[in-house]
Amino acid sequence: MIRIVLFTLALAAAVYLVMQIVREAGKAEIDWRGVAAVAGFVLLAFYLRQVTDIGGLV
C-alpha cells in the first residue's frame, strides 16, 4: 500500500514539473529545431548502445 502512495505522489510531482516546464517554455523563445536535434541525437545514442553493445559507462 505504501508503494502505491509513494508512486502516486511521485507521479503527481512529475506531472506538476512537466506542467511548470511547459508554462515556462511557452513564455520563452526556444529553438525547437535545436531541441529536437539534441533529443534525436540522445535517442540515437541509446539505440545504438543497445544494438551494438559498444559504449556506455559500465
Foldseek 3Di string as FASTA:
>chain_A
DVVVVVVVVVVVVVVVVVVVVVVVPVVDDDPVVVVVVVVVVVVVVVVCCVVVVDDDDD
